[in-house]
């Protein structure tokens, strides 16, 4: 990420923490909300406008730089034991997924049967793990890097395969937000490597979109699960039909 993009990302986090919206910024700068969205998505903002927003937030540009530097020290992954601790508590898994999708405590409490106090207790556990920071008025700051990943074949991935995987595929994928492609190919090592890079790029794009739309109210967003995978295959259920040498 460029320094400019990292600075704008830090500003987005600060705005979310303060409960400010693009509409507020548009009013401050005398621009349309569409222009503000484009400015933030393209990470193009003049120094004068950046300083005006900082002043409005009662901070100096140097404070924003400090936030950016602190953000760069966020977590990229957890330890095996930390992931295991989360997956042993179903409510904690639920709250973890919600905060990763930028839900507030109020959103979680309104959508699920967890009491407000129970939500706070789960969030305190996540804060202890270093995943979040609880701010005044029970606001939540996610402290994971934008390239955060669960451990390959770690407790969280295993939880998904065992508890969610079967249910995930129990649909005909015909809905507006649904999509499924099952492709088979015989490729060169170079082509396989290129596809792997594209899958990584897709995962990055999904993560970026999740962060960029965090300012929107929960009831204006649709939760999705994206599974992008590729592996070598040794015929599986057809193995008994393979001619032996």
C-alpha atoms as a PDB file:
ATOM      1  CA  UNK A   1       0.000   0.000   0.000  1.00  0.00           C
ATOM      2  CA  UNK A   2       1.305   3.488  -0.858  1.00  0.00           C
ATOM      3  CA  UNK A   3       1.768   6.035   1.937  1.00  0.00           C
ATOM      4  CA  UNK A   4      -1.096   8.117   0.540  1.00  0.00           C
ATOM      5  CA  UNK A   5      -3.451   5.133   0.527  1.00  0.00           C
ATOM      6  CA  UNK A   6      -2.348   4.178   4.055  1.00  0.00           C
ATOM      7  CA  UNK A   7      -2.999   7.749   5.240  1.00  0.00           C
ATOM      8  CA  UNK A   8      -6.479   7.794   3.700  1.00  0.00           C
ATOM      9  CA  UNK A   9      -7.173   4.387   5.239  1.00  0.00           C
ATOM     10  CA  UNK A  10      -6.188   5.751   8.663  1.00  0.00           C
ATOM     11  CA  UNK A  11      -8.536   8.682   8.088  1.00  0.00           C
ATOM     12  CA  UNK A  12     -11.393   6.297   7.244  1.00  0.00           C
ATOM     13  CA  UNK A  13     -10.794   4.463  10.508  1.00  0.00           C
ATOM     14  CA  UNK A  14     -10.821   7.714  12.448  1.00  0.00           C
ATOM     15  CA  UNK A  15     -14.071   8.798  10.787  1.00  0.00           C
ATOM     16  CA  UNK A  16     -15.723   5.463  11.622  1.00  0.00           C
ATOM     17  CA  UNK A  17     -14.509   5.714  15.221  1.00  0.00           C
ATOM     18  CA  UNK A  18     -16.065   9.176  15.493  1.00  0.00           C
ATOM     19  CA  UNK A  19     -19.302   8.056  13.860  1.00  0.00           C
ATOM     20  CA  UNK A  20     -18.812  10.408  10.898  1.00  0.00           C
ATOM     21  CA  UNK A  21     -20.108   9.651   7.395  1.00  0.00           C
ATOM     22  CA  UNK A  22     -19.284  10.635   3.833  1.00  0.00           C
ATOM     23  CA  UNK A  23     -22.358  12.861   3.966  1.00  0.00           C
ATOM     24  CA  UNK A  24     -20.777  14.785   6.844  1.00  0.00           C
ATOM     25  CA  UNK A  25     -17.545  15.219   4.863  1.00  0.00           C
ATOM     26  CA  UNK A  26     -19.499  16.344   1.800  1.00  0.00           C
ATOM     27  CA  UNK A  27     -21.210  19.057   3.857  1.00  0.00           C
ATOM     28  CA  UNK A  28     -17.891  20.136   5.382  1.00  0.00           C
ATOM     29  CA  UNK A  29     -16.107  20.480   2.042  1.00  0.00           C
ATOM     30  CA  UNK A  30     -19.084  21.678   0.042  1.00  0.00           C
ATOM     31  CA  UNK A  31     -18.941  18.735  -2.360  1.00  0.00           C
ATOM     32  CA  UNK A  32     -21.391  16.037  -3.406  1.00  0.00           C
ATOM     33  CA  UNK A  33     -21.416  12.755  -1.526  1.00  0.00           C
ATOM     34  CA  UNK A  34     -20.536  10.957  -4.770  1.00  0.00           C
ATOM     35  CA  UNK A  35     -17.419  13.135  -5.111  1.00  0.00           C
ATOM     36  CA  UNK A  36     -16.394  12.296  -1.556  1.00  0.00           C
ATOM     37  CA  UNK A  37     -16.833   8.561  -2.164  1.00  0.00           C
ATOM     38  CA  UNK A  38     -14.716   8.803  -5.299  1.00  0.00           C
ATOM     39  CA  UNK A  39     -12.071  10.826  -3.493  1.00  0.00           C
ATOM     40  CA  UNK A  40     -11.729   8.197  -0.782  1.00  0.00           C
ATOM     41  CA  UNK A  41     -11.944   5.157  -3.086  1.00  0.00           C
ATOM     42  CA  UNK A  42      -9.271   6.558  -5.411  1.00  0.00           C
ATOM     43  CA  UNK A  43      -7.163   7.840  -2.506  1.00  0.00           C
ATOM     44  CA  UNK A  44      -6.911  11.257  -4.136  1.00  0.00           C
ATOM     45  CA  UNK A  45      -7.220  14.164  -1.730  1.00  0.00           C
ATOM     46  CA  UNK A  46      -5.505  17.535  -1.684  1.00  0.00           C
ATOM     47  CA  UNK A  47      -3.464  18.541   1.354  1.00  0.00           C
ATOM     48  CA  UNK A  48      -5.830  21.455   2.026  1.00  0.00           C
ATOM     49  CA  UNK A  49      -8.857  19.139   2.171  1.00  0.00           C
ATOM     50  CA  UNK A  50      -6.991  16.620   4.304  1.00  0.00           C
ATOM     51  CA  UNK A  51      -6.013  19.332   6.762  1.00  0.00           C
ATOM     52  CA  UNK A  52      -9.598  20.675   6.796  1.00  0.00           C
ATOM     53  CA  UNK A  53     -10.965  17.242   7.722  1.00  0.00           C
ATOM     54  CA  UNK A  54      -8.294  16.793  10.402  1.00  0.00           C
ATOM     55  CA  UNK A  55      -9.120  20.195  11.891  1.00  0.00           C
ATOM     56  CA  UNK A  56     -12.814  19.285  11.864  1.00  0.00           C
ATOM     57  CA  UNK A  57     -11.907  16.106  13.795  1.00  0.00           C
ATOM     58  CA  UNK A  58      -9.932  18.257  16.270  1.00  0.00           C
ATOM     59  CA  UNK A  59      -6.587  16.750  15.310  1.00  0.00           C
ATOM     60  CA  UNK A  60      -3.396  17.718  13.496  1.00  0.00           C
ATOM     61  CA  UNK A  61      -2.101  16.109  10.326  1.00  0.00           C
ATOM     62  CA  UNK A  62       0.742  14.722  12.456  1.00  0.00           C
ATOM     63  CA  UNK A  63      -1.859  12.933  14.594  1.00  0.00           C
ATOM     64  CA  UNK A  64      -3.223  11.254  11.474  1.00  0.00           C
ATOM     65  CA  UNK A  65       0.279  10.143  10.490  1.00  0.00           C
ATOM     66  CA  UNK A  66       0.684   8.645  13.975  1.00  0.00           C
ATOM     67  CA  UNK A  67      -2.593   6.761  13.512  1.00  0.00           C
ATOM     68  CA  UNK A  68      -1.356   5.463  10.174  1.00  0.00           C
ATOM     69  CA  UNK A  69       1.873   4.211  11.746  1.00  0.00           C
ATOM     70  CA  UNK A  70      -0.023   2.548  14.585  1.00  0.00           C
ATOM     71  CA  UNK A  71      -2.331   0.901  12.053  1.00  0.00           C
ATOM     72  CA  UNK A  72       0.658  -0.583  10.230  1.00  0.00           C
ATOM     73  CA  UNK A  73       1.544  -2.429  13.447  1.00  0.00           C
ATOM     74  CA  UNK A  74      -1.762  -4.275  13.502  1.00  0.00           C
ATOM     75  CA  UNK A  75      -2.095  -8.059  13.499  1.00  0.00           C
ATOM     76  CA  UNK A  76      -1.651 -10.106  10.342  1.00  0.00           C
ATOM     77  CA  UNK A  77      -2.499 -13.423  12.008  1.00  0.00           C
ATOM     78  CA  UNK A  78      -3.170 -15.089  15.353  1.00  0.00           C
ATOM     79  CA  UNK A  79      -1.378 -17.992  16.984  1.00  0.00           C
ATOM     80  CA  UNK A  80      -2.857 -21.483  16.793  1.00  0.00           C
ATOM     81  CA  UNK A  81      -3.854 -21.312  20.468  1.00  0.00           C
ATOM     82  CA  UNK A  82      -5.597 -17.956  19.999  1.00  0.00           C
ATOM     83  CA  UNK A  83      -7.629 -19.244  17.059  1.00  0.00           C
ATOM     84  CA  UNK A  84      -8.466 -22.372  19.030  1.00  0.00           C
ATOM     85  CA  UNK A  85      -9.712 -20.260  21.941  1.00  0.00           C
ATOM     86  CA  UNK A  86     -12.107 -18.393  19.652  1.00  0.00           C
ATOM     87  CA  UNK A  87     -13.504 -21.516  18.000  1.00  0.00           C
ATOM     88  CA  UNK A  88     -14.337 -23.132  21.371  1.00  0.00           C
ATOM     89  CA  UNK A  89     -17.005 -20.488  21.982  1.00  0.00           C
ATOM     90  CA  UNK A  90     -19.732 -20.329  19.323  1.00  0.00           C
ATOM     91  CA  UNK A  91     -20.934 -16.918  20.499  1.00  0.00           C
ATOM     92  CA  UNK A  92     -17.361 -15.623  20.343  1.00  0.00           C
ATOM     93  CA  UNK A  93     -17.051 -16.904  16.755  1.00  0.00           C
ATOM     94  CA  UNK A  94     -20.256 -15.058  15.886  1.00  0.00           C
ATOM     95  CA  UNK A  95     -19.078 -11.793  17.447  1.00  0.00           C
ATOM     96  CA  UNK A  96     -15.673 -12.162  15.773  1.00  0.00           C
ATOM     97  CA  UNK A  97     -17.248 -12.532  12.333  1.00  0.00           C
ATOM     98  CA  UNK A  98     -19.498  -9.543  13.012  1.00  0.00           C
ATOM     99  CA  UNK A  99     -16.699  -7.191  14.039  1.00  0.00           C
ATOM    100  CA  UNK A 100     -14.629  -8.326  11.053  1.00  0.00           C
ATOM    101  CA  UNK A 101     -17.580  -7.116   8.984  1.00  0.00           C
ATOM    102  CA  UNK A 102     -17.570  -3.787  10.851  1.00  0.00           C
ATOM    103  CA  UNK A 103     -20.741  -4.309  12.868  1.00  0.00           C
ATOM    104  CA  UNK A 104     -21.251  -2.211  15.979  1.00  0.00           C
ATOM    105  CA  UNK A 105     -22.248  -3.650  19.360  1.00  0.00           C
ATOM    106  CA  UNK A 106     -25.703  -2.220  18.795  1.00  0.00           C
ATOM    107  CA  UNK A 107     -25.940  -4.035  15.444  1.00  0.00           C
ATOM    108  CA  UNK A 108     -24.930  -7.367  17.001  1.00  0.00           C
ATOM    109  CA  UNK A 109     -27.311  -6.971  19.929  1.00  0.00           C
ATOM    110  CA  UNK A 110     -30.182  -6.018  17.625  1.00  0.00           C
ATOM    111  CA  UNK A 111     -29.632  -8.918  15.238  1.00  0.00           C
ATOM    112  CA  UNK A 112     -28.893 -11.744  17.687  1.00  0.00           C
ATOM    113  CA  UNK A 113     -30.094 -12.955  21.087  1.00  0.00           C
ATOM    114  CA  UNK A 114     -26.888 -12.034  22.898  1.00  0.00           C
ATOM    115  CA  UNK A 115     -27.474  -9.524  25.674  1.00  0.00           C
ATOM    116  CA  UNK A 116     -25.612  -6.231  25.513  1.00  0.00           C
ATOM    117  CA  UNK A 117     -23.521  -7.349  28.481  1.00  0.00           C
ATOM    118  CA  UNK A 118     -22.681 -10.654  26.761  1.00  0.00           C
ATOM    119  CA  UNK A 119     -21.539  -8.748  23.669  1.00  0.00           C
ATOM    120  CA  UNK A 120     -19.249  -6.643  25.829  1.00  0.00           C
ATOM    121  CA  UNK A 121     -17.738  -9.741  27.439  1.00  0.00           C
ATOM    122  CA  UNK A 122     -17.027 -11.318  24.060  1.00  0.00           C
ATOM    123  CA  UNK A 123     -15.485  -8.084  22.813  1.00  0.00           C
ATOM    124  CA  UNK A 124     -13.269  -7.895  25.893  1.00  0.00           C
ATOM    125  CA  UNK A 125     -11.941 -11.357  24.985  1.00  0.00           C
ATOM    126  CA  UNK A 126     -11.187 -10.164  21.462  1.00  0.00           C
ATOM    127  CA  UNK A 127      -9.472  -7.085  22.873  1.00  0.00           C
ATOM    128  CA  UNK A 128      -7.311  -9.327  25.064  1.00  0.00           C
ATOM    129  CA  UNK A 129      -6.318 -11.251  21.934  1.00  0.00           C
ATOM    130  CA  UNK A 130      -5.359  -7.952  20.280  1.00  0.00           C
ATOM    131  CA  UNK A 131      -7.985  -8.192  17.530  1.00  0.00           C
ATOM    132  CA  UNK A 132      -9.919  -5.093  18.556  1.00  0.00           C
ATOM    133  CA  UNK A 133      -9.772  -2.031  20.757  1.00  0.00           C
ATOM    134  CA  UNK A 134     -12.841  -1.010  22.748  1.00  0.00           C
ATOM    135  CA  UNK A 135     -13.317   2.746  22.522  1.00  0.00           C
ATOM    136  CA  UNK A 136     -15.468   5.149  24.566  1.00  0.00           C
ATOM    137  CA  UNK A 137     -19.234   4.682  24.242  1.00  0.00           C
ATOM    138  CA  UNK A 138     -18.652   0.977  23.454  1.00  0.00           C
ATOM    139  CA  UNK A 139     -17.355   1.664  19.965  1.00  0.00           C
ATOM    140  CA  UNK A 140     -15.048  -0.941  18.422  1.00  0.00           C
ATOM    141  CA  UNK A 141     -11.837  -0.441  16.512  1.00  0.00           C
ATOM    142  CA  UNK A 142     -10.669  -3.450  14.518  1.00  0.00           C
ATOM    143  CA  UNK A 143      -6.914  -3.888  14.979  1.00  0.00           C
ATOM    144  CA  UNK A 144      -6.165  -6.378  12.212  1.00  0.00           C
ATOM    145  CA  UNK A 145      -4.159  -5.584   9.112  1.00  0.00           C
ATOM    146  CA  UNK A 146      -6.117  -5.433   5.862  1.00  0.00           C
ATOM    147  CA  UNK A 147      -4.140  -8.506   4.786  1.00  0.00           C
ATOM    148  CA  UNK A 148      -5.005 -10.462   7.928  1.00  0.00           C
ATOM    149  CA  UNK A 149      -5.390 -14.195   7.305  1.00  0.00           C
ATOM    150  CA  UNK A 150      -6.564 -17.105   9.379  1.00  0.00           C
ATOM    151  CA  UNK A 151      -3.917 -19.806   9.747  1.00  0.00           C
ATOM    152  CA  UNK A 152      -3.898 -22.303   6.848  1.00  0.00           C
ATOM    153  CA  UNK A 153      -5.659 -25.427   8.135  1.00  0.00           C
ATOM    154  CA  UNK A 154      -5.792 -23.746  11.535  1.00  0.00           C
ATOM    155  CA  UNK A 155      -8.664 -23.930  14.041  1.00  0.00           C
ATOM    156  CA  UNK A 156     -10.750 -21.258  12.314  1.00  0.00           C
ATOM    157  CA  UNK A 157     -10.489 -22.856   8.860  1.00  0.00           C
ATOM    158  CA  UNK A 158     -11.204 -26.252  10.392  1.00  0.00           C
ATOM    159  CA  UNK A 159     -14.251 -24.798  12.139  1.00  0.00           C
ATOM    160  CA  UNK A 160     -15.525 -23.485   8.820  1.00  0.00           C
ATOM    161  CA  UNK A 161     -15.087 -26.802   7.044  1.00  0.00           C
ATOM    162  CA  UNK A 162     -16.684 -28.818   9.841  1.00  0.00           C
ATOM    163  CA  UNK A 163     -19.474 -26.491  10.937  1.00  0.00           C
ATOM    164  CA  UNK A 164     -20.209 -24.269   7.961  1.00  0.00           C
ATOM    165  CA  UNK A 165     -18.920 -25.995   4.829  1.00  0.00           C
ATOM    166  CA  UNK A 166     -21.733 -28.531   4.385  1.00  0.00           C
ATOM    167  CA  UNK A 167     -24.426 -25.918   4.996  1.00  0.00           C
ATOM    168  CA  UNK A 168     -22.674 -23.499   2.635  1.00  0.00           C
ATOM    169  CA  UNK A 169     -23.132 -25.837  -0.323  1.00  0.00           C
ATOM    170  CA  UNK A 170     -26.696 -26.843   0.614  1.00  0.00           C
ATOM    171  CA  UNK A 171     -28.298 -24.533  -1.967  1.00  0.00           C
ATOM    172  CA  UNK A 172     -28.813 -24.377  -5.726  1.00  0.00           C
ATOM    173  CA  UNK A 173     -26.870 -21.069  -5.939  1.00  0.00           C
ATOM    174  CA  UNK A 174     -29.669 -19.487  -7.980  1.00  0.00           C
ATOM    175  CA  UNK A 175     -30.184 -16.363  -5.850  1.00  0.00           C
ATOM    176  CA  UNK A 176     -29.176 -12.866  -6.873  1.00  0.00           C
ATOM    177  CA  UNK A 177     -26.188 -12.900  -4.512  1.00  0.00           C
ATOM    178  CA  UNK A 178     -25.278 -16.509  -5.346  1.00  0.00           C
ATOM    179  CA  UNK A 179     -22.721 -17.815  -7.795  1.00  0.00           C
ATOM    180  CA  UNK A 180     -21.033 -21.161  -8.295  1.00  0.00           C
ATOM    181  CA  UNK A 181     -18.610 -22.342 -10.965  1.00  0.00           C
ATOM    182  CA  UNK A 182     -17.101 -25.806 -10.905  1.00  0.00           C
ATOM    183  CA  UNK A 183     -14.358 -26.049 -13.509  1.00  0.00           C
ATOM    184  CA  UNK A 184     -11.941 -28.802 -14.392  1.00  0.00           C
ATOM    185  CA  UNK A 185      -8.728 -28.193 -16.280  1.00  0.00           C
ATOM    186  CA  UNK A 186      -5.367 -29.760 -17.002  1.00  0.00           C
ATOM    187  CA  UNK A 187      -2.842 -26.921 -16.769  1.00  0.00           C
ATOM    188  CA  UNK A 188       0.852 -26.191 -16.850  1.00  0.00           C
ATOM    189  CA  UNK A 189       2.649 -25.201 -13.618  1.00  0.00           C
ATOM    190  CA  UNK A 190       2.880 -21.629 -14.929  1.00  0.00           C
ATOM    191  CA  UNK A 191      -0.869 -21.419 -15.580  1.00  0.00           C
ATOM    192  CA  UNK A 192      -1.607 -22.844 -12.125  1.00  0.00           C
ATOM    193  CA  UNK A 193       0.649 -20.231 -10.506  1.00  0.00           C
ATOM    194  CA  UNK A 194      -1.108 -17.461 -12.442  1.00  0.00           C
ATOM    195  CA  UNK A 195      -4.535 -18.698 -11.309  1.00  0.00           C
ATOM    196  CA  UNK A 196      -3.342 -18.806  -7.701  1.00  0.00           C
ATOM    197  CA  UNK A 197      -2.243 -15.180  -7.990  1.00  0.00           C
ATOM    198  CA  UNK A 198      -5.664 -14.222  -9.360  1.00  0.00           C
ATOM    199  CA  UNK A 199      -7.404 -16.003  -6.489  1.00  0.00           C
ATOM    200  CA  UNK A 200      -5.217 -14.062  -4.046  1.00  0.00           C
ATOM    201  CA  UNK A 201      -6.107 -10.841  -5.875  1.00  0.00           C
ATOM    202  CA  UNK A 202      -9.821 -11.698  -5.626  1.00  0.00           C
ATOM    203  CA  UNK A 203      -9.478 -12.299  -1.885  1.00  0.00           C
ATOM    204  CA  UNK A 204      -7.746  -8.913  -1.556  1.00  0.00           C
ATOM    205  CA  UNK A 205     -10.497  -7.216  -3.563  1.00  0.00           C
ATOM    206  CA  UNK A 206     -13.198  -8.732  -1.346  1.00  0.00           C
ATOM    207  CA  UNK A 207     -11.366  -7.629   1.797  1.00  0.00           C
ATOM    208  CA  UNK A 208     -10.899  -4.105   0.442  1.00  0.00           C
ATOM    209  CA  UNK A 209     -14.589  -3.854  -0.515  1.00  0.00           C
ATOM    210  CA  UNK A 210     -15.579  -4.963   2.983  1.00  0.00           C
ATOM    211  CA  UNK A 211     -13.532  -2.149   4.491  1.00  0.00           C
ATOM    212  CA  UNK A 212     -14.689   0.474   1.981  1.00  0.00           C
ATOM    213  CA  UNK A 213     -18.379  -0.208   2.688  1.00  0.00           C
ATOM    214  CA  UNK A 214     -18.011  -0.304   6.472  1.00  0.00           C
ATOM    215  CA  UNK A 215     -19.473   3.206   6.729  1.00  0.00           C
ATOM    216  CA  UNK A 216     -22.868   1.964   5.495  1.00  0.00           C
ATOM    217  CA  UNK A 217     -25.574   0.926   7.994  1.00  0.00           C
ATOM    218  CA  UNK A 218     -25.783  -2.828   8.516  1.00  0.00           C
ATOM    219  CA  UNK A 219     -29.336  -3.009   7.135  1.00  0.00           C
ATOM    220  CA  UNK A 220     -28.056  -1.602   3.829  1.00  0.00           C
ATOM    221  CA  UNK A 221     -25.417  -4.324   3.455  1.00  0.00           C
ATOM    222  CA  UNK A 222     -25.798  -8.011   2.575  1.00  0.00           C
ATOM    223  CA  UNK A 223     -23.594 -10.555   4.294  1.00  0.00           C
ATOM    224  CA  UNK A 224     -21.822 -12.877   1.892  1.00  0.00           C
ATOM    225  CA  UNK A 225     -19.307 -15.692   2.169  1.00  0.00           C
ATOM    226  CA  UNK A 226     -16.763 -16.053  -0.606  1.00  0.00           C
ATOM    227  CA  UNK A 227     -14.914 -19.346  -1.003  1.00  0.00           C
ATOM    228  CA  UNK A 228     -12.216 -19.330  -3.661  1.00  0.00           C
ATOM    229  CA  UNK A 229     -10.227 -22.542  -3.816  1.00  0.00           C
ATOM    230  CA  UNK A 230      -8.116 -24.632  -6.152  1.00  0.00           C
ATOM    231  CA  UNK A 231      -6.343 -27.937  -5.644  1.00  0.00           C
ATOM    232  CA  UNK A 232      -4.871 -30.885  -7.466  1.00  0.00           C
ATOM    233  CA  UNK A 233      -7.296 -33.780  -7.722  1.00  0.00           C
ATOM    234  CA  UNK A 234      -6.626 -37.506  -7.843  1.00  0.00           C
ATOM    235  CA  UNK A 235      -9.986 -38.660  -9.251  1.00  0.00           C
ATOM    236  CA  UNK A 236     -11.747 -39.030  -5.870  1.00  0.00           C
ATOM    237  CA  UNK A 237     -14.841 -41.240  -6.244  1.00  0.00           C
ATOM    238  CA  UNK A 238     -13.645 -42.288  -9.717  1.00  0.00           C
ATOM    239  CA  UNK A 239     -10.386 -43.655  -8.365  1.00  0.00           C
ATOM    240  CA  UNK A 240     -11.523 -47.272  -8.655  1.00  0.00           C
ATOM    241  CA  UNK A 241     -11.985 -46.748 -12.413  1.00  0.00           C
ATOM    242  CA  UNK A 242      -8.395 -45.650 -12.979  1.00  0.00           C
ATOM    243  CA  UNK A 243      -6.356 -48.161 -14.946  1.00  0.00           C
ATOM    244  CA  UNK A 244      -3.455 -49.402 -12.865  1.00  0.00           C
ATOM    245  CA  UNK A 245       0.034 -49.483 -14.422  1.00  0.00           C
END
